[in-house]
C-alpha atoms as a PDB file:
ATOM      1  CA  MET A   1       6.486 -31.017   8.001  1.00  0.00           C
ATOM      2  CA  SER A   2       6.334 -31.865  11.702  1.00  0.00           C
ATOM      3  CA  SER A   3       5.815 -35.526  12.661  1.00  0.00           C
ATOM      4  CA  TRP A   4       2.548 -34.894  14.474  1.00  0.00           C
ATOM      5  CA  LYS A   5       1.166 -32.830  11.577  1.00  0.00           C
ATOM      6  CA  SER A   6       1.861 -35.636   9.105  1.00  0.00           C
ATOM      7  CA  SER A   7      -0.159 -38.026  11.299  1.00  0.00           C
ATOM      8  CA  VAL A   8      -3.312 -35.937  10.891  1.00  0.00           C
ATOM      9  CA  ASN A   9      -5.196 -37.702   8.114  1.00  0.00           C
ATOM     10  CA  SER A  10      -8.763 -38.824   7.367  1.00  0.00           C
ATOM     11  CA  GLU A  11      -8.023 -42.315   8.600  1.00  0.00           C
ATOM     12  CA  ASN A  12      -7.203 -41.079  12.095  1.00  0.00           C
ATOM     13  CA  PHE A  13      -9.156 -37.839  12.399  1.00  0.00           C
ATOM     14  CA  ASP A  14     -12.655 -36.575  11.712  1.00  0.00           C
ATOM     15  CA  ALA A  15     -12.020 -32.860  12.092  1.00  0.00           C
ATOM     16  CA  VAL A  16      -9.499 -30.206  13.042  1.00  0.00           C
ATOM     17  CA  LEU A  17     -10.537 -27.254  15.171  1.00  0.00           C
ATOM     18  CA  PHE A  18      -8.585 -24.011  14.853  1.00  0.00           C
ATOM     19  CA  ASN A  19      -8.421 -21.197  17.319  1.00  0.00           C
ATOM     20  CA  LEU A  20      -8.773 -17.879  15.486  1.00  0.00           C
ATOM     21  CA  ASP A  21      -6.591 -15.735  17.719  1.00  0.00           C
ATOM     22  CA  GLY A  22      -2.914 -16.607  17.555  1.00  0.00           C
ATOM     23  CA  VAL A  23      -3.348 -19.621  15.270  1.00  0.00           C
ATOM     24  CA  LEU A  24      -5.083 -18.383  12.115  1.00  0.00           C
ATOM     25  CA  THR A  25      -4.579 -14.680  12.687  1.00  0.00           C
ATOM     26  CA  ALA A  26      -2.702 -12.283  14.940  1.00  0.00           C
ATOM     27  CA  THR A  27      -5.910 -10.685  16.209  1.00  0.00           C
ATOM     28  CA  PHE A  28      -4.712 -11.297  19.756  1.00  0.00           C
ATOM     29  CA  LYS A  29      -2.390  -8.314  19.236  1.00  0.00           C
ATOM     30  CA  VAL A  30      -5.366  -6.108  18.369  1.00  0.00           C
ATOM     31  CA  HIS A  31      -7.413  -7.367  21.302  1.00  0.00           C
ATOM     32  CA  ALA A  32      -4.548  -6.927  23.768  1.00  0.00           C
ATOM     33  CA  ALA A  33      -3.921  -3.340  22.632  1.00  0.00           C
ATOM     34  CA  CYS A  34      -7.621  -2.470  22.779  1.00  0.00           C
ATOM     35  CA  TRP A  35      -8.031  -3.995  26.231  1.00  0.00           C
ATOM     36  CA  LYS A  36      -5.079  -1.925  27.439  1.00  0.00           C
ATOM     37  CA  LYS A  37      -6.526   1.272  25.986  1.00  0.00           C
ATOM     38  CA  THR A  38      -9.938   0.540  27.513  1.00  0.00           C
ATOM     39  CA  PHE A  39      -8.675  -0.315  30.974  1.00  0.00           C
ATOM     40  CA  ASP A  40      -5.986   2.361  31.129  1.00  0.00           C
ATOM     41  CA  ASP A  41      -8.504   5.071  30.229  1.00  0.00           C
ATOM     42  CA  TYR A  42     -10.839   3.855  32.984  1.00  0.00           C
ATOM     43  CA  LEU A  43      -8.086   3.355  35.568  1.00  0.00           C
ATOM     44  CA  GLN A  44      -6.621   6.813  34.929  1.00  0.00           C
ATOM     45  CA  GLN A  45     -10.022   8.415  35.477  1.00  0.00           C
ATOM     46  CA  ARG A  46     -10.519   6.355  38.628  1.00  0.00           C
ATOM     47  CA  ALA A  47      -7.067   7.307  39.933  1.00  0.00           C
ATOM     48  CA  VAL A  48      -7.942  11.007  39.609  1.00  0.00           C
ATOM     49  CA  GLN A  49     -11.268  10.485  41.377  1.00  0.00           C
ATOM     50  CA  THR A  50      -9.876   8.346  44.206  1.00  0.00           C
ATOM     51  CA  LEU A  51      -6.525  10.150  44.529  1.00  0.00           C
ATOM     52  CA  LYS A  52      -4.748   6.790  44.308  1.00  0.00           C
ATOM     53  CA  PRO A  53      -1.763   5.905  42.083  1.00  0.00           C
ATOM     54  CA  PHE A  54      -2.498   4.866  38.519  1.00  0.00           C
ATOM     55  CA  LYS A  55      -1.458   1.265  37.830  1.00  0.00           C
ATOM     56  CA  PRO A  56      -1.788   0.498  34.101  1.00  0.00           C
ATOM     57  CA  PHE A  57      -3.015  -2.710  32.504  1.00  0.00           C
ATOM     58  CA  ASP A  58      -0.025  -4.982  31.866  1.00  0.00           C
ATOM     59  CA  ILE A  59      -0.366  -6.693  28.479  1.00  0.00           C
ATOM     60  CA  ASN A  60       2.288  -9.302  29.266  1.00  0.00           C
ATOM     61  CA  LYS A  61       0.697 -10.310  32.557  1.00  0.00           C
ATOM     62  CA  ASP A  62      -2.909  -9.168  32.819  1.00  0.00           C
ATOM     63  CA  TYR A  63      -4.022 -10.067  29.307  1.00  0.00           C
ATOM     64  CA  ASN A  64      -3.293 -13.778  29.647  1.00  0.00           C
ATOM     65  CA  LEU A  65      -4.445 -13.992  33.268  1.00  0.00           C
ATOM     66  CA  TYR A  66      -7.729 -12.153  33.115  1.00  0.00           C
ATOM     67  CA  VAL A  67      -9.119 -11.543  29.613  1.00  0.00           C
ATOM     68  CA  ASP A  68      -7.624 -13.837  26.982  1.00  0.00           C
ATOM     69  CA  GLY A  69     -10.207 -16.284  25.628  1.00  0.00           C
ATOM     70  CA  LYS A  70     -13.029 -15.052  27.835  1.00  0.00           C
ATOM     71  CA  PRO A  71     -16.314 -13.431  26.793  1.00  0.00           C
ATOM     72  CA  ARG A  72     -15.949  -9.642  27.017  1.00  0.00           C
ATOM     73  CA  ASP A  73     -18.005  -9.084  30.150  1.00  0.00           C
ATOM     74  CA  ASP A  74     -16.235 -11.920  31.943  1.00  0.00           C
ATOM     75  CA  GLY A  75     -12.897 -10.388  30.985  1.00  0.00           C
ATOM     76  CA  VAL A  76     -13.923  -6.992  32.347  1.00  0.00           C
ATOM     77  CA  GLN A  77     -15.110  -8.477  35.624  1.00  0.00           C
ATOM     78  CA  SER A  78     -12.068 -10.712  35.948  1.00  0.00           C
ATOM     79  CA  PHE A  79      -9.491  -7.959  35.466  1.00  0.00           C
ATOM     80  CA  LEU A  80     -11.266  -5.310  37.525  1.00  0.00           C
ATOM     81  CA  GLY A  81     -11.867  -7.879  40.261  1.00  0.00           C
ATOM     82  CA  SER A  82      -8.111  -8.449  40.412  1.00  0.00           C
ATOM     83  CA  ARG A  83      -7.797  -4.743  41.261  1.00  0.00           C
ATOM     84  CA  GLY A  84     -10.579  -4.879  43.856  1.00  0.00           C
ATOM     85  CA  ILE A  85     -12.958  -2.950  41.572  1.00  0.00           C
ATOM     86  CA  HIS A  86     -16.554  -4.090  41.141  1.00  0.00           C
ATOM     87  CA  LEU A  87     -18.776  -2.281  38.661  1.00  0.00           C
ATOM     88  CA  PRO A  88     -22.481  -2.886  38.030  1.00  0.00           C
ATOM     89  CA  LEU A  89     -23.074  -5.263  35.112  1.00  0.00           C
ATOM     90  CA  GLY A  90     -25.224  -2.802  33.226  1.00  0.00           C
ATOM     91  CA  ASP A  91     -26.984  -3.642  29.973  1.00  0.00           C
ATOM     92  CA  PRO A  92     -25.502  -5.083  26.737  1.00  0.00           C
ATOM     93  CA  ARG A  93     -26.772  -1.920  25.005  1.00  0.00           C
ATOM     94  CA  ASP A  94     -24.848   0.430  27.328  1.00  0.00           C
ATOM     95  CA  PRO A  95     -22.927   3.143  25.459  1.00  0.00           C
ATOM     96  CA  PRO A  96     -19.085   2.824  25.466  1.00  0.00           C
ATOM     97  CA  ASP A  97     -18.672   5.710  27.918  1.00  0.00           C
ATOM     98  CA  ARG A  98     -20.909   4.230  30.608  1.00  0.00           C
ATOM     99  CA  LYS A  99     -19.009   2.960  33.643  1.00  0.00           C
ATOM    100  CA  THR A 100     -20.505  -0.496  33.760  1.00  0.00           C
ATOM    101  CA  VAL A 101     -19.101  -3.889  32.873  1.00  0.00           C
ATOM    102  CA  CYS A 102     -21.070  -3.866  29.613  1.00  0.00           C
ATOM    103  CA  GLY A 103     -20.111  -0.272  28.895  1.00  0.00           C
ATOM    104  CA  LEU A 104     -16.381  -0.991  29.201  1.00  0.00           C
ATOM    105  CA  GLY A 105     -16.779  -4.139  27.152  1.00  0.00           C
ATOM    106  CA  ASN A 106     -18.567  -2.189  24.425  1.00  0.00           C
ATOM    107  CA  HIS A 107     -15.835   0.445  24.471  1.00  0.00           C
ATOM    108  CA  LYS A 108     -13.247  -2.251  23.882  1.00  0.00           C
ATOM    109  CA  GLU A 109     -15.306  -3.746  21.064  1.00  0.00           C
ATOM    110  CA  GLU A 110     -15.666  -0.331  19.430  1.00  0.00           C
ATOM    111  CA  LEU A 111     -11.873   0.040  19.476  1.00  0.00           C
ATOM    112  CA  VAL A 112     -11.386  -3.431  17.983  1.00  0.00           C
ATOM    113  CA  ILE A 113     -13.755  -2.796  15.097  1.00  0.00           C
ATOM    114  CA  ALA A 114     -12.139   0.570  14.327  1.00  0.00           C
ATOM    115  CA  THR A 115      -8.666  -0.978  14.390  1.00  0.00           C
ATOM    116  CA  LEU A 116      -9.650  -3.871  12.118  1.00  0.00           C
ATOM    117  CA  LYS A 117     -11.161  -1.435   9.637  1.00  0.00           C
ATOM    118  CA  SER A 118      -8.177   0.891   9.616  1.00  0.00           C
ATOM    119  CA  GLU A 119      -5.287  -1.553   9.936  1.00  0.00           C
ATOM    120  CA  GLY A 120      -6.591  -5.013   9.099  1.00  0.00           C
ATOM    121  CA  VAL A 121      -5.046  -8.063  10.723  1.00  0.00           C
ATOM    122  CA  GLU A 122      -2.044 -10.293  10.140  1.00  0.00           C
ATOM    123  CA  VAL A 123      -2.925 -13.760   8.834  1.00  0.00           C
ATOM    124  CA  TYR A 124      -0.692 -16.788   9.372  1.00  0.00           C
ATOM    125  CA  GLN A 125      -0.538 -17.996   5.781  1.00  0.00           C
ATOM    126  CA  GLY A 126       1.014 -21.328   6.755  1.00  0.00           C
ATOM    127  CA  SER A 127      -1.939 -22.146   8.979  1.00  0.00           C
ATOM    128  CA  VAL A 128      -4.369 -21.182   6.227  1.00  0.00           C
ATOM    129  CA  ALA A 129      -2.455 -23.400   3.779  1.00  0.00           C
ATOM    130  CA  TRP A 130      -2.853 -26.347   6.164  1.00  0.00           C
ATOM    131  CA  VAL A 131      -6.580 -25.697   6.470  1.00  0.00           C
ATOM    132  CA  LYS A 132      -6.851 -25.877   2.697  1.00  0.00           C
ATOM    133  CA  GLN A 133      -4.793 -29.080   2.635  1.00  0.00           C
ATOM    134  CA  LEU A 134      -6.999 -30.711   5.270  1.00  0.00           C
ATOM    135  CA  ARG A 135     -10.144 -29.856   3.335  1.00  0.00           C
ATOM    136  CA  GLN A 136      -8.671 -31.345   0.156  1.00  0.00           C
ATOM    137  CA  GLU A 137      -8.113 -34.542   2.109  1.00  0.00           C
ATOM    138  CA  GLY A 138     -11.772 -34.612   3.201  1.00  0.00           C
ATOM    139  CA  ILE A 139     -11.180 -33.589   6.822  1.00  0.00           C
ATOM    140  CA  LYS A 140     -13.706 -31.129   8.204  1.00  0.00           C
ATOM    141  CA  THR A 141     -12.547 -27.870   9.743  1.00  0.00           C
ATOM    142  CA  ALA A 142     -13.958 -25.471  12.310  1.00  0.00           C
ATOM    143  CA  VAL A 143     -12.851 -22.153  13.740  1.00  0.00           C
ATOM    144  CA  VAL A 144     -13.299 -21.305  17.410  1.00  0.00           C
ATOM    145  CA  SER A 145     -13.093 -17.881  19.040  1.00  0.00           C
ATOM    146  CA  SER A 146     -14.602 -16.195  22.086  1.00  0.00           C
ATOM    147  CA  ASN A 147     -14.924 -12.958  20.109  1.00  0.00           C
ATOM    148  CA  LYS A 148     -18.114 -11.748  18.479  1.00  0.00           C
ATOM    149  CA  ASN A 149     -16.200 -10.219  15.560  1.00  0.00           C
ATOM    150  CA  CYS A 150     -14.837 -13.571  14.398  1.00  0.00           C
ATOM    151  CA  LEU A 151     -16.868 -13.523  11.168  1.00  0.00           C
ATOM    152  CA  THR A 152     -15.801  -9.941  10.427  1.00  0.00           C
ATOM    153  CA  VAL A 153     -12.130 -10.977  10.697  1.00  0.00           C
ATOM    154  CA  LEU A 154     -12.616 -14.057   8.501  1.00  0.00           C
ATOM    155  CA  GLN A 155     -14.498 -12.088   5.849  1.00  0.00           C
ATOM    156  CA  ALA A 156     -11.914  -9.284   5.853  1.00  0.00           C
ATOM    157  CA  GLU A 157      -9.234 -11.846   4.980  1.00  0.00           C
ATOM    158  CA  GLY A 158     -11.454 -13.847   2.582  1.00  0.00           C
ATOM    159  CA  ILE A 159     -11.131 -17.139   4.517  1.00  0.00           C
ATOM    160  CA  GLU A 160     -14.644 -17.543   5.929  1.00  0.00           C
ATOM    161  CA  GLY A 161     -15.401 -20.239   3.354  1.00  0.00           C
ATOM    162  CA  LEU A 162     -12.643 -22.517   4.656  1.00  0.00           C
ATOM    163  CA  PHE A 163     -14.572 -23.676   7.700  1.00  0.00           C
ATOM    164  CA  ASP A 164     -17.556 -25.973   8.001  1.00  0.00           C
ATOM    165  CA  VAL A 165     -18.434 -24.533  11.423  1.00  0.00           C
ATOM    166  CA  ARG A 166     -17.780 -21.288  13.254  1.00  0.00           C
ATOM    167  CA  VAL A 167     -18.121 -21.044  17.031  1.00  0.00           C
ATOM    168  CA  ASP A 168     -17.659 -17.495  18.289  1.00  0.00           C
ATOM    169  CA  GLY A 169     -18.780 -15.046  20.954  1.00  0.00           C
ATOM    170  CA  HIS A 170     -22.328 -15.055  19.613  1.00  0.00           C
ATOM    171  CA  THR A 171     -22.426 -18.851  19.949  1.00  0.00           C
ATOM    172  CA  VAL A 172     -21.054 -18.657  23.499  1.00  0.00           C
ATOM    173  CA  GLU A 173     -23.820 -16.231  24.405  1.00  0.00           C
ATOM    174  CA  ASP A 174     -26.624 -18.027  22.592  1.00  0.00           C
ATOM    175  CA  GLN A 175     -25.690 -21.506  23.876  1.00  0.00           C
ATOM    176  CA  ASN A 176     -24.606 -20.310  27.340  1.00  0.00           C
ATOM    177  CA  LEU A 177     -21.213 -21.986  26.939  1.00  0.00           C
ATOM    178  CA  PRO A 178     -18.371 -21.369  29.404  1.00  0.00           C
ATOM    179  CA  GLY A 179     -15.486 -19.514  27.793  1.00  0.00           C
ATOM    180  CA  LYS A 180     -11.887 -20.690  27.664  1.00  0.00           C
ATOM    181  CA  PRO A 181      -9.774 -22.152  29.177  1.00  0.00           C
ATOM    182  CA  PRO A 182     -12.364 -24.948  29.680  1.00  0.00           C
ATOM    183  CA  PRO A 183     -12.815 -26.576  26.249  1.00  0.00           C
ATOM    184  CA  TYR A 184     -16.620 -26.402  25.948  1.00  0.00           C
ATOM    185  CA  THR A 185     -16.519 -24.156  22.876  1.00  0.00           C
ATOM    186  CA  TYR A 186     -14.296 -26.703  21.115  1.00  0.00           C
ATOM    187  CA  PHE A 187     -16.568 -29.591  22.016  1.00  0.00           C
ATOM    188  CA  HIS A 188     -19.573 -27.618  20.756  1.00  0.00           C
ATOM    189  CA  ALA A 189     -17.734 -27.038  17.482  1.00  0.00           C
ATOM    190  CA  ALA A 190     -16.909 -30.751  17.271  1.00  0.00           C
ATOM    191  CA  ALA A 191     -20.557 -31.629  17.742  1.00  0.00           C
ATOM    192  CA  GLN A 192     -21.619 -29.128  15.078  1.00  0.00           C
ATOM    193  CA  VAL A 193     -19.029 -30.394  12.607  1.00  0.00           C
ATOM    194  CA  GLU A 194     -20.325 -33.913  13.285  1.00  0.00           C
ATOM    195  CA  ALA A 195     -16.973 -35.331  14.294  1.00  0.00           C
ATOM    196  CA  LEU A 196     -18.657 -38.017  16.318  1.00  0.00           C
ATOM    197  CA  ARG A 197     -16.940 -41.278  15.476  1.00  0.00           C
ATOM    198  CA  ARG A 198     -15.610 -42.909  18.596  1.00  0.00           C
ATOM    199  CA  ARG A 199     -11.834 -43.054  18.766  1.00  0.00           C
ATOM    200  CA  ALA A 200      -9.409 -44.691  21.178  1.00  0.00           C
ATOM    201  CA  PRO A 201      -8.765 -42.247  24.068  1.00  0.00           C
ATOM    202  CA  GLU A 202      -5.106 -43.198  24.208  1.00  0.00           C
ATOM    203  CA  ARG A 203      -4.689 -42.070  20.579  1.00  0.00           C
ATOM    204  CA  PHE A 204      -6.004 -38.620  21.416  1.00  0.00           C
ATOM    205  CA  GLN A 205      -3.871 -38.387  24.556  1.00  0.00           C
ATOM    206  CA  ALA A 206      -0.713 -39.342  22.690  1.00  0.00           C
ATOM    207  CA  LEU A 207      -1.284 -36.702  20.024  1.00  0.00           C
ATOM    208  CA  ALA A 208      -2.263 -34.086  22.590  1.00  0.00           C
ATOM    209  CA  GLU A 209       0.980 -34.683  24.440  1.00  0.00           C
ATOM    210  CA  ARG A 210       2.996 -34.282  21.240  1.00  0.00           C
ATOM    211  CA  THR A 211       1.288 -31.010  20.394  1.00  0.00           C
ATOM    212  CA  GLY A 212       2.025 -29.436  23.756  1.00  0.00           C
ATOM    213  CA  LEU A 213      -1.069 -29.951  25.876  1.00  0.00           C
ATOM    214  CA  HIS A 214      -0.354 -30.027  29.603  1.00  0.00           C
ATOM    215  CA  PRO A 215      -1.554 -33.212  31.403  1.00  0.00           C
ATOM    216  CA  GLN A 216      -4.087 -31.123  33.337  1.00  0.00           C
ATOM    217  CA  GLU A 217      -5.455 -29.723  30.070  1.00  0.00           C
ATOM    218  CA  ILE A 218      -5.857 -33.269  28.752  1.00  0.00           C
ATOM    219  CA  GLN A 219      -7.839 -34.159  31.861  1.00  0.00           C
ATOM    220  CA  ASP A 220      -9.998 -31.030  31.429  1.00  0.00           C
ATOM    221  CA  TRP A 221     -10.773 -32.090  27.863  1.00  0.00           C
ATOM    222  CA  GLN A 222     -11.650 -35.627  28.895  1.00  0.00           C
ATOM    223  CA  ARG A 223     -13.902 -34.400  31.704  1.00  0.00           C
ATOM    224  CA  ALA A 224     -15.715 -31.924  29.475  1.00  0.00           C
ATOM    225  CA  ALA A 225     -16.212 -34.598  26.828  1.00  0.00           C
ATOM    226  CA  ARG A 226     -17.848 -36.890  29.372  1.00  0.00           C
ATOM    227  CA  GLU A 227     -20.083 -34.061  30.608  1.00  0.00           C
ATOM    228  CA  MET A 228     -21.222 -33.240  27.094  1.00  0.00           C
ATOM    229  CA  HIS A 229     -21.514 -36.899  26.041  1.00  0.00           C
ATOM    230  CA  ILE A 230     -19.413 -36.277  22.926  1.00  0.00           C
ATOM    231  CA  PRO A 231     -17.104 -38.983  21.603  1.00  0.00           C
ATOM    232  CA  PHE A 232     -14.952 -37.685  18.776  1.00  0.00           C
ATOM    233  CA  SER A 233     -11.460 -37.314  17.380  1.00  0.00           C
ATOM    234  CA  VAL A 234     -10.016 -33.826  17.345  1.00  0.00           C
ATOM    235  CA  ILE A 235      -6.727 -31.997  17.472  1.00  0.00           C
ATOM    236  CA  LEU A 236      -6.582 -28.721  19.315  1.00  0.00           C
ATOM    237  CA  SER A 237      -4.456 -25.987  17.796  1.00  0.00           C
ATOM    238  CA  ILE A 238      -3.048 -23.826  20.562  1.00  0.00           C
ATOM    239  CA  GLY A 239      -0.971 -20.688  20.234  1.00  0.00           C
ATOM    240  CA  GLU A 240       2.519 -21.406  19.052  1.00  0.00           C
ATOM    241  CA  ASN A 241       1.753 -24.932  17.869  1.00  0.00           C
ATOM    242  CA  LEU A 242       0.724 -23.895  14.356  1.00  0.00           C
ATOM    243  CA  LYS A 243       3.230 -21.132  13.700  1.00  0.00           C
ATOM    244  CA  PHE A 244       5.392 -23.743  12.035  1.00  0.00           C
ATOM    245  CA  ALA A 245       3.847 -23.290   8.672  1.00  0.00           C
ATOM    246  CA  ASP A 246       5.864 -20.318   7.458  1.00  0.00           C
ATOM    247  CA  SER A 247       9.109 -22.179   8.108  1.00  0.00           C
END
């Protein structure tokens, strides 16, 4: 057990917030592949129409820069904007073949749902085991994702009952929350899970540093907390930080 993990107990922490993608499950692989399929199909059609070279979506570069952690429509606009392409927003009900921001986003979502149904998703069992351990110790848990299919993924793997609060793409839309990387979705989850006891800021900063948060990310968290008037104790699980559990 890592030293920072052993320090997470009910005396020091009110709640633990888990990112769904890359921490609890490997759904990021599904999303990345579906984004690539969506954008490559569109870019190939556009290349034929404009007589310009086809430049495919680069999973290793473009996914992290433009779409990861963002609401779907923001991801579409961000990536296409990087290519100098600006589509009309359209309507959330646009069919998947309509060349609008919403239409491309809906096409990607259609691919995700089909993939989840046909292939399922990899679950990080070590992370799930830690969630169960935390709950046994009386620490509340929440899951955070920018995706609207978060509940579908949790239910497919039978782990939806392990979280007191779920903040997902529907929450982002309903509450008009900025997507990641700013931490507003996490602070909203913290408020919903009622992790509101005031803690010493230096304690949070010390733990955040041990778990890999960049100093700028720490400042972003502190600024967002002030803006939302939320004092609480929380540990953020990011990417590789929880893939210890199978070791």
